[in-house]
N, C-alpha and C. Protein backbone atom coordinates (compact mmCIF):
# COMPACT_ATOMS: atom_id res chain seq x y z
N MET A 1 9.03 22.08 -15.79
CA MET A 1 8.75 20.86 -15.05
C MET A 1 9.02 19.66 -15.96
N THR A 2 9.73 18.66 -15.46
CA THR A 2 10.06 17.48 -16.25
C THR A 2 8.89 16.50 -16.28
N ASP A 3 8.97 15.51 -17.19
CA ASP A 3 7.96 14.45 -17.22
C ASP A 3 7.91 13.71 -15.89
N GLN A 4 9.08 13.50 -15.28
CA GLN A 4 9.15 12.83 -13.97
C GLN A 4 8.39 13.65 -12.93
N ASP A 5 8.62 14.98 -12.92
CA ASP A 5 7.92 15.85 -11.97
C ASP A 5 6.42 15.82 -12.21
N ASN A 6 6.03 15.86 -13.49
CA ASN A 6 4.60 15.80 -13.83
C ASN A 6 3.99 14.48 -13.38
N GLY A 7 4.72 13.39 -13.58
CA GLY A 7 4.23 12.07 -13.16
C GLY A 7 4.09 11.98 -11.66
N THR A 8 5.08 12.50 -10.94
CA THR A 8 5.01 12.49 -9.48
C THR A 8 3.85 13.34 -8.99
N ALA A 9 3.64 14.49 -9.60
CA ALA A 9 2.51 15.36 -9.23
C ALA A 9 1.19 14.66 -9.51
N LYS A 10 1.11 13.94 -10.63
CA LYS A 10 -0.11 13.21 -10.98
C LYS A 10 -0.39 12.12 -9.94
N VAL A 11 0.63 11.35 -9.58
CA VAL A 11 0.47 10.30 -8.56
C VAL A 11 0.03 10.91 -7.24
N ARG A 12 0.64 12.02 -6.84
CA ARG A 12 0.29 12.69 -5.59
C ARG A 12 -1.19 13.06 -5.59
N GLN A 13 -1.67 13.65 -6.69
CA GLN A 13 -3.06 14.08 -6.75
C GLN A 13 -4.02 12.90 -6.73
N LEU A 14 -3.70 11.83 -7.45
CA LEU A 14 -4.58 10.65 -7.48
C LEU A 14 -4.66 10.00 -6.09
N ILE A 15 -3.54 9.94 -5.37
CA ILE A 15 -3.54 9.38 -4.01
C ILE A 15 -4.36 10.29 -3.09
N LYS A 16 -4.15 11.58 -3.20
CA LYS A 16 -4.87 12.54 -2.35
C LYS A 16 -6.37 12.44 -2.59
N ASP A 17 -6.78 12.26 -3.84
CA ASP A 17 -8.20 12.16 -4.17
C ASP A 17 -8.83 10.86 -3.71
N THR A 18 -8.02 9.84 -3.49
CA THR A 18 -8.56 8.51 -3.16
C THR A 18 -8.50 8.21 -1.67
N ARG A 19 -7.36 8.40 -1.05
CA ARG A 19 -7.11 8.23 0.38
C ARG A 19 -7.16 6.79 0.90
N ILE A 20 -8.16 5.99 0.52
CA ILE A 20 -8.22 4.61 1.00
C ILE A 20 -7.46 3.73 0.01
N ALA A 21 -6.58 2.90 0.54
CA ALA A 21 -5.74 2.05 -0.28
C ALA A 21 -5.88 0.60 0.15
N MET A 22 -5.48 -0.29 -0.72
CA MET A 22 -5.31 -1.70 -0.37
C MET A 22 -3.82 -1.94 -0.25
N LEU A 23 -3.40 -2.25 0.98
CA LEU A 23 -1.99 -2.53 1.25
C LEU A 23 -1.80 -4.04 1.15
N THR A 24 -0.96 -4.47 0.20
CA THR A 24 -0.74 -5.89 -0.05
C THR A 24 0.67 -6.27 0.41
N HIS A 25 0.73 -7.36 1.16
CA HIS A 25 2.00 -7.89 1.66
C HIS A 25 1.93 -9.41 1.64
N ALA A 26 3.06 -10.06 1.89
CA ALA A 26 3.11 -11.53 1.94
C ALA A 26 3.08 -11.99 3.39
N ASP A 27 2.29 -13.04 3.64
CA ASP A 27 2.26 -13.61 4.99
C ASP A 27 3.39 -14.64 5.15
N GLU A 28 3.42 -15.32 6.27
CA GLU A 28 4.52 -16.26 6.56
C GLU A 28 4.58 -17.43 5.59
N HIS A 29 3.49 -17.71 4.87
CA HIS A 29 3.46 -18.81 3.90
C HIS A 29 3.66 -18.33 2.46
N GLY A 30 3.88 -17.02 2.31
CA GLY A 30 4.06 -16.46 0.98
C GLY A 30 2.76 -16.07 0.30
N ASN A 31 1.63 -16.21 0.99
CA ASN A 31 0.34 -15.80 0.44
C ASN A 31 0.25 -14.28 0.44
N LEU A 32 -0.30 -13.72 -0.63
CA LEU A 32 -0.49 -12.28 -0.69
C LEU A 32 -1.78 -11.91 0.04
N ILE A 33 -1.68 -10.96 0.94
CA ILE A 33 -2.80 -10.51 1.75
C ILE A 33 -2.99 -9.01 1.49
N SER A 34 -4.23 -8.60 1.22
CA SER A 34 -4.54 -7.18 1.01
C SER A 34 -5.52 -6.72 2.07
N LYS A 35 -5.26 -5.56 2.64
CA LYS A 35 -6.15 -4.98 3.64
C LYS A 35 -6.37 -3.51 3.32
N PRO A 36 -7.62 -3.04 3.51
CA PRO A 36 -7.87 -1.62 3.29
C PRO A 36 -7.22 -0.78 4.40
N MET A 37 -6.60 0.30 4.00
CA MET A 37 -5.92 1.19 4.94
C MET A 37 -6.20 2.63 4.52
N ALA A 38 -6.32 3.52 5.50
CA ALA A 38 -6.48 4.95 5.23
C ALA A 38 -5.11 5.60 5.17
N THR A 39 -4.82 6.24 4.06
CA THR A 39 -3.55 6.95 3.93
C THR A 39 -3.58 8.17 4.84
N GLN A 40 -2.60 8.29 5.72
CA GLN A 40 -2.57 9.38 6.69
C GLN A 40 -1.89 10.62 6.15
N ASP A 41 -0.87 10.44 5.34
CA ASP A 41 -0.13 11.59 4.82
C ASP A 41 -0.37 11.68 3.33
N VAL A 42 -1.04 12.75 2.89
CA VAL A 42 -1.36 12.89 1.48
C VAL A 42 -0.44 13.88 0.76
N ASP A 43 0.58 14.39 1.44
CA ASP A 43 1.58 15.23 0.79
C ASP A 43 2.65 14.30 0.24
N PHE A 44 2.27 13.56 -0.79
CA PHE A 44 3.05 12.46 -1.32
C PHE A 44 4.39 12.91 -1.88
N ASP A 45 5.47 12.32 -1.36
CA ASP A 45 6.81 12.58 -1.86
C ASP A 45 7.52 11.27 -2.18
N GLY A 46 6.72 10.22 -2.32
CA GLY A 46 7.28 8.89 -2.51
C GLY A 46 7.07 8.02 -1.28
N THR A 47 6.64 8.64 -0.19
CA THR A 47 6.40 7.92 1.06
C THR A 47 4.95 8.13 1.49
N VAL A 48 4.29 7.06 1.92
CA VAL A 48 2.95 7.16 2.49
C VAL A 48 2.95 6.52 3.87
N TYR A 49 2.06 6.98 4.72
CA TYR A 49 1.97 6.48 6.09
C TYR A 49 0.59 5.92 6.37
N PHE A 50 0.57 4.84 7.14
CA PHE A 50 -0.66 4.23 7.62
C PHE A 50 -0.51 4.03 9.13
N ILE A 51 -1.63 3.97 9.83
CA ILE A 51 -1.61 3.67 11.26
C ILE A 51 -2.21 2.29 11.45
N ALA A 52 -1.56 1.47 12.27
CA ALA A 52 -2.01 0.09 12.50
C ALA A 52 -1.73 -0.29 13.95
N GLU A 53 -2.15 -1.49 14.31
CA GLU A 53 -1.90 -2.02 15.65
C GLU A 53 -0.66 -2.90 15.61
N ARG A 54 0.23 -2.65 16.53
CA ARG A 54 1.50 -3.39 16.63
C ARG A 54 1.28 -4.90 16.66
N THR A 55 0.23 -5.35 17.34
CA THR A 55 0.00 -6.79 17.54
C THR A 55 -0.73 -7.45 16.37
N SER A 56 -1.07 -6.68 15.33
CA SER A 56 -1.80 -7.26 14.20
C SER A 56 -0.91 -8.21 13.39
N ASP A 57 -1.54 -9.20 12.77
CA ASP A 57 -0.81 -10.12 11.88
C ASP A 57 -0.11 -9.34 10.77
N GLN A 58 -0.77 -8.32 10.27
CA GLN A 58 -0.21 -7.51 9.18
C GLN A 58 1.13 -6.92 9.58
N VAL A 59 1.20 -6.30 10.75
CA VAL A 59 2.44 -5.68 11.21
C VAL A 59 3.51 -6.74 11.45
N GLN A 60 3.13 -7.86 12.02
CA GLN A 60 4.10 -8.93 12.26
C GLN A 60 4.67 -9.43 10.92
N ASP A 61 3.81 -9.58 9.92
CA ASP A 61 4.27 -10.01 8.59
C ASP A 61 5.20 -8.98 7.97
N LEU A 62 4.84 -7.69 8.08
CA LEU A 62 5.66 -6.63 7.47
C LEU A 62 7.05 -6.55 8.07
N GLN A 63 7.17 -6.87 9.34
CA GLN A 63 8.49 -6.84 9.97
C GLN A 63 9.39 -7.95 9.43
N GLN A 64 8.80 -9.03 8.95
CA GLN A 64 9.58 -10.14 8.38
C GLN A 64 9.75 -10.02 6.87
N ARG A 65 8.72 -9.51 6.20
CA ARG A 65 8.70 -9.40 4.74
C ARG A 65 8.19 -8.02 4.35
N PRO A 66 9.07 -7.04 4.21
CA PRO A 66 8.65 -5.64 4.04
C PRO A 66 8.25 -5.23 2.62
N ALA A 67 8.41 -6.09 1.61
CA ALA A 67 8.02 -5.72 0.25
C ALA A 67 6.50 -5.62 0.17
N VAL A 68 6.00 -4.49 -0.36
CA VAL A 68 4.57 -4.26 -0.42
C VAL A 68 4.15 -3.63 -1.74
N ASN A 69 2.85 -3.68 -1.97
CA ASN A 69 2.21 -2.91 -3.03
C ASN A 69 1.05 -2.18 -2.38
N VAL A 70 0.88 -0.92 -2.73
CA VAL A 70 -0.24 -0.13 -2.24
C VAL A 70 -1.05 0.28 -3.47
N ALA A 71 -2.32 -0.15 -3.51
CA ALA A 71 -3.17 0.11 -4.66
C ALA A 71 -4.29 1.07 -4.29
N TYR A 72 -4.45 2.10 -5.11
CA TYR A 72 -5.51 3.09 -4.95
C TYR A 72 -6.42 3.00 -6.17
N ALA A 73 -7.73 3.03 -5.96
CA ALA A 73 -8.69 3.04 -7.06
C ALA A 73 -9.79 4.03 -6.73
N GLY A 74 -10.00 4.99 -7.62
CA GLY A 74 -11.02 6.02 -7.40
C GLY A 74 -11.84 6.22 -8.65
N ASP A 75 -12.44 7.39 -8.79
CA ASP A 75 -13.29 7.71 -9.93
C ASP A 75 -12.51 7.69 -11.24
N GLY A 76 -12.38 6.52 -11.83
CA GLY A 76 -11.72 6.39 -13.11
C GLY A 76 -10.21 6.53 -13.05
N ALA A 77 -9.64 6.42 -11.87
CA ALA A 77 -8.19 6.56 -11.72
C ALA A 77 -7.66 5.48 -10.79
N TRP A 78 -6.43 5.04 -11.09
CA TRP A 78 -5.80 4.00 -10.31
C TRP A 78 -4.32 4.31 -10.14
N VAL A 79 -3.78 3.92 -8.98
CA VAL A 79 -2.34 4.03 -8.72
C VAL A 79 -1.88 2.72 -8.10
N SER A 80 -0.77 2.19 -8.58
CA SER A 80 -0.13 1.02 -8.00
C SER A 80 1.27 1.45 -7.56
N LEU A 81 1.48 1.49 -6.25
CA LEU A 81 2.74 1.94 -5.67
C LEU A 81 3.50 0.73 -5.14
N THR A 82 4.70 0.52 -5.62
CA THR A 82 5.55 -0.59 -5.18
C THR A 82 6.62 -0.03 -4.25
N GLY A 83 6.79 -0.68 -3.10
CA GLY A 83 7.79 -0.16 -2.18
C GLY A 83 8.12 -1.09 -1.03
N THR A 84 8.70 -0.49 -0.01
CA THR A 84 9.14 -1.22 1.17
C THR A 84 8.51 -0.60 2.41
N ALA A 85 7.97 -1.47 3.27
CA ALA A 85 7.32 -1.01 4.50
C ALA A 85 8.29 -1.06 5.67
N LEU A 86 8.14 -0.09 6.55
CA LEU A 86 8.92 -0.03 7.78
C LEU A 86 7.95 0.28 8.91
N VAL A 87 7.99 -0.51 9.97
CA VAL A 87 7.14 -0.28 11.14
C VAL A 87 7.88 0.71 12.03
N LEU A 88 7.21 1.84 12.34
CA LEU A 88 7.84 2.92 13.10
C LEU A 88 7.19 3.12 14.46
N ASN A 89 8.01 3.31 15.47
CA ASN A 89 7.56 3.74 16.79
C ASN A 89 7.89 5.22 16.91
N ASP A 90 7.03 6.06 16.36
CA ASP A 90 7.27 7.50 16.35
C ASP A 90 6.01 8.19 16.88
N GLU A 91 5.95 8.36 18.21
CA GLU A 91 4.74 8.92 18.82
C GLU A 91 4.46 10.34 18.33
N ALA A 92 5.49 11.14 18.10
CA ALA A 92 5.30 12.51 17.62
C ALA A 92 4.63 12.50 16.24
N LYS A 93 5.12 11.67 15.33
CA LYS A 93 4.53 11.58 13.99
C LYS A 93 3.12 10.99 14.08
N LEU A 94 2.92 10.02 14.96
CA LEU A 94 1.61 9.42 15.17
C LEU A 94 0.62 10.49 15.63
N LYS A 95 1.03 11.34 16.57
CA LYS A 95 0.16 12.43 17.04
C LYS A 95 -0.16 13.40 15.91
N GLU A 96 0.85 13.68 15.09
CA GLU A 96 0.67 14.60 13.96
C GLU A 96 -0.38 14.07 12.98
N LEU A 97 -0.37 12.75 12.73
CA LEU A 97 -1.23 12.16 11.71
C LEU A 97 -2.58 11.67 12.24
N TRP A 98 -2.71 11.52 13.54
CA TRP A 98 -3.93 10.99 14.14
C TRP A 98 -5.09 11.97 13.91
N ASP A 99 -6.26 11.42 13.55
CA ASP A 99 -7.45 12.25 13.41
C ASP A 99 -8.67 11.47 13.91
N SER A 100 -9.85 12.09 13.85
CA SER A 100 -11.05 11.44 14.39
C SER A 100 -11.40 10.18 13.59
N PHE A 101 -11.08 10.14 12.31
CA PHE A 101 -11.33 8.95 11.50
C PHE A 101 -10.51 7.78 12.04
N THR A 102 -9.25 8.03 12.34
CA THR A 102 -8.38 7.00 12.89
C THR A 102 -8.91 6.52 14.23
N GLY A 103 -9.37 7.47 15.06
CA GLY A 103 -9.91 7.14 16.36
C GLY A 103 -11.16 6.28 16.30
N SER A 104 -11.83 6.27 15.16
CA SER A 104 -13.01 5.41 14.99
C SER A 104 -12.63 3.95 14.81
N TRP A 105 -11.39 3.69 14.41
CA TRP A 105 -10.94 2.32 14.11
C TRP A 105 -9.96 1.76 15.13
N LEU A 106 -9.20 2.64 15.77
CA LEU A 106 -8.17 2.18 16.69
C LEU A 106 -8.39 2.78 18.07
N GLU A 107 -8.11 2.02 19.10
CA GLU A 107 -8.36 2.44 20.48
C GLU A 107 -7.16 3.16 21.09
N GLY A 108 -7.46 4.08 21.99
CA GLY A 108 -6.44 4.64 22.86
C GLY A 108 -5.68 5.83 22.35
N GLY A 109 -5.91 6.23 21.13
CA GLY A 109 -5.20 7.40 20.60
C GLY A 109 -3.74 7.14 20.32
N PRO A 110 -3.02 8.19 19.95
CA PRO A 110 -1.60 8.03 19.60
C PRO A 110 -0.72 7.66 20.79
N GLU A 111 -1.22 7.84 22.00
CA GLU A 111 -0.43 7.49 23.19
C GLU A 111 -0.46 5.99 23.46
N ASN A 112 -1.40 5.27 22.86
CA ASN A 112 -1.50 3.82 23.06
C ASN A 112 -0.27 3.16 22.43
N PRO A 113 0.54 2.45 23.23
CA PRO A 113 1.76 1.85 22.67
C PRO A 113 1.49 0.76 21.63
N ASN A 114 0.24 0.31 21.51
CA ASN A 114 -0.09 -0.68 20.49
C ASN A 114 -0.33 -0.03 19.12
N ASN A 115 -0.51 1.28 19.08
CA ASN A 115 -0.71 1.98 17.81
C ASN A 115 0.63 2.44 17.27
N ILE A 116 0.91 2.05 16.03
CA ILE A 116 2.21 2.37 15.41
C ILE A 116 1.98 2.87 13.98
N LEU A 117 3.03 3.31 13.36
CA LEU A 117 2.99 3.76 11.97
C LEU A 117 3.59 2.70 11.05
N ILE A 118 3.00 2.59 9.88
CA ILE A 118 3.61 1.84 8.79
C ILE A 118 4.03 2.89 7.76
N GLU A 119 5.32 2.98 7.53
CA GLU A 119 5.86 3.91 6.54
C GLU A 119 6.20 3.10 5.29
N VAL A 120 5.60 3.45 4.18
CA VAL A 120 5.92 2.78 2.92
C VAL A 120 6.71 3.76 2.06
N THR A 121 7.94 3.37 1.76
CA THR A 121 8.78 4.17 0.86
C THR A 121 8.65 3.57 -0.53
N GLY A 122 8.08 4.35 -1.44
CA GLY A 122 7.84 3.87 -2.78
C GLY A 122 9.10 3.84 -3.62
N ARG A 123 9.22 2.79 -4.45
CA ARG A 123 10.29 2.70 -5.44
C ARG A 123 9.79 3.17 -6.80
N SER A 124 8.54 2.79 -7.10
CA SER A 124 7.93 3.22 -8.36
C SER A 124 6.42 3.22 -8.21
N ALA A 125 5.78 3.99 -9.07
CA ALA A 125 4.32 4.05 -9.08
C ALA A 125 3.86 4.02 -10.53
N GLU A 126 2.83 3.25 -10.78
CA GLU A 126 2.20 3.24 -12.10
C GLU A 126 0.80 3.80 -11.91
N TYR A 127 0.38 4.64 -12.84
CA TYR A 127 -0.94 5.24 -12.71
C TYR A 127 -1.70 5.20 -14.03
N TRP A 128 -3.01 5.20 -13.90
CA TRP A 128 -3.93 5.27 -15.04
C TRP A 128 -5.02 6.25 -14.66
N ASP A 129 -5.42 7.09 -15.57
CA ASP A 129 -6.48 8.06 -15.31
C ASP A 129 -7.31 8.19 -16.58
N THR A 130 -8.59 7.86 -16.49
CA THR A 130 -9.45 7.95 -17.67
C THR A 130 -9.79 9.42 -17.93
N PRO A 131 -10.05 9.76 -19.19
CA PRO A 131 -10.34 11.15 -19.50
C PRO A 131 -11.63 11.61 -18.82
N GLY A 132 -11.55 12.78 -18.19
CA GLY A 132 -12.74 13.37 -17.59
C GLY A 132 -13.07 12.85 -16.21
N GLY A 133 -12.61 11.64 -15.87
CA GLY A 133 -12.93 11.07 -14.56
C GLY A 133 -14.43 10.95 -14.35
N GLY A 134 -14.85 10.42 -13.27
CA GLY A 134 -16.27 10.31 -12.93
C GLY A 134 -16.97 9.20 -13.71
N LYS A 135 -17.98 8.65 -13.10
CA LYS A 135 -18.69 7.51 -13.69
C LYS A 135 -19.45 7.86 -14.96
N VAL A 136 -20.12 9.02 -15.01
CA VAL A 136 -20.89 9.40 -16.19
C VAL A 136 -19.96 9.55 -17.39
N THR A 137 -18.83 10.21 -17.19
CA THR A 137 -17.86 10.39 -18.28
C THR A 137 -17.29 9.05 -18.71
N GLN A 138 -17.03 8.15 -17.77
CA GLN A 138 -16.51 6.83 -18.11
C GLN A 138 -17.50 6.07 -18.98
N VAL A 139 -18.78 6.11 -18.63
CA VAL A 139 -19.81 5.42 -19.42
C VAL A 139 -19.91 6.05 -20.80
N ALA A 140 -19.88 7.39 -20.86
CA ALA A 140 -19.94 8.07 -22.16
C ALA A 140 -18.75 7.69 -23.03
N ASN A 141 -17.55 7.63 -22.44
CA ASN A 141 -16.36 7.23 -23.20
C ASN A 141 -16.47 5.79 -23.68
N LEU A 142 -17.03 4.90 -22.86
CA LEU A 142 -17.22 3.51 -23.23
C LEU A 142 -18.18 3.40 -24.41
N VAL A 143 -19.31 4.11 -24.35
CA VAL A 143 -20.28 4.09 -25.45
C VAL A 143 -19.64 4.65 -26.72
N LYS A 144 -18.94 5.77 -26.59
CA LYS A 144 -18.26 6.38 -27.74
C LYS A 144 -17.27 5.39 -28.36
N SER A 145 -16.53 4.68 -27.52
CA SER A 145 -15.57 3.70 -28.00
C SER A 145 -16.25 2.59 -28.79
N LYS A 146 -17.38 2.12 -28.30
CA LYS A 146 -18.11 1.04 -28.98
C LYS A 146 -18.69 1.51 -30.31
N VAL A 147 -19.16 2.75 -30.36
CA VAL A 147 -19.76 3.30 -31.58
C VAL A 147 -18.69 3.58 -32.63
N THR A 148 -17.58 4.20 -32.22
CA THR A 148 -16.55 4.62 -33.18
C THR A 148 -15.52 3.53 -33.46
N GLY A 149 -15.39 2.57 -32.56
CA GLY A 149 -14.36 1.54 -32.69
C GLY A 149 -13.00 2.00 -32.21
N ASP A 150 -12.91 3.24 -31.72
CA ASP A 150 -11.66 3.76 -31.17
C ASP A 150 -11.51 3.33 -29.72
N THR A 151 -10.28 3.10 -29.31
CA THR A 151 -10.05 2.77 -27.90
C THR A 151 -10.06 4.05 -27.08
N ILE A 152 -10.34 3.91 -25.81
CA ILE A 152 -10.34 5.04 -24.90
C ILE A 152 -8.89 5.45 -24.62
N LYS A 153 -8.61 6.71 -24.78
CA LYS A 153 -7.27 7.23 -24.53
C LYS A 153 -7.25 7.86 -23.14
N GLY A 154 -6.45 7.32 -22.28
CA GLY A 154 -6.33 7.86 -20.93
C GLY A 154 -4.91 8.32 -20.67
N ASP A 155 -4.72 8.85 -19.51
CA ASP A 155 -3.41 9.28 -19.07
C ASP A 155 -2.81 8.16 -18.24
N LYS A 156 -1.61 7.71 -18.61
CA LYS A 156 -0.97 6.64 -17.85
C LYS A 156 0.53 6.88 -17.84
N GLY A 157 1.17 6.29 -16.86
CA GLY A 157 2.60 6.44 -16.79
C GLY A 157 3.21 5.66 -15.65
N VAL A 158 4.52 5.57 -15.65
CA VAL A 158 5.29 4.95 -14.60
C VAL A 158 6.27 5.99 -14.08
N VAL A 159 6.33 6.11 -12.77
CA VAL A 159 7.19 7.10 -12.13
C VAL A 159 8.17 6.39 -11.21
N ASP A 160 9.47 6.64 -11.40
CA ASP A 160 10.47 6.13 -10.47
C ASP A 160 10.56 7.10 -9.31
N LEU A 161 10.56 6.57 -8.10
CA LEU A 161 10.57 7.44 -6.92
C LEU A 161 11.91 7.37 -6.20
C-alpha cells in the first residue's frame, strides 16, 4: 500500500467516524457561509454526498459558485476536504442514501422534488489525528507536553484525490 493509499484510507476512516461536517461555500456577495450537514455516503473515494432542499439559499449559491470546503472535527481528529460541489437530481441515489435521520430534517422523503443531492468531488484533503484519540488521551498528552516540554506528535498529512 502506498503513502497515498494510506492517506486516503485515513481520511475515509476519519470521515466515517465523524459523519457531521461543516460545508463551507461562498454566497452571492463572496461571504463564506458554513452549515452543518450529515454525510450520507461514508464509503469515501474522494466524493461525499449530502441531502439538501433545492430551494435553499445554500443550493442556489452552490449552483453559481461550486468551490467548497468540507470540514470534519471529531475526537481529536480533523479533516479539511477541498473540492467542487454539484447539485444532482438523482432520485435513485437519493432513495439509496435516504434514512430516518434525514427524514427528521427534510420533508417528503426522496420522492419530494425539493429534496436533492449535493455531490462534493474532493481535490485534496488534509487531516490531523492526535495520538490515541479521545478527550482523556488528549488531556493526558497535553499535560505530558507541558511537563516534558515536548510537542504532541500526531498523524497528519495531505492527500491528493
